[in-house]
Amino acid sequence: MNNLFDILKRNPFEVPPTYESLVGNFKGLYSRRINRQHRLVYRILEEEKIIIIVGMWIHYEF
């Protein structure tokens, strides 16, 4: 987990690990794998340089 936070702090668009730009009701959100089952879902406010964690340890169930 801490590694994902470090990556997001450094550059939220950095790969690897890959990220997904979500669609539909989740448009504007991004997702990265925590493990095989769970995701870290976040929003990026680029101008403000803020990352908002929307959910963790979920699979798009919010």
Foldseek 3Di string as FASTA:
>chain_A
DVVLVVCLLVPVCDDVVHKDQDDDPRHQKIWDDPDPAKIFIWHAPPVVRDIGTPDTRHDPPD
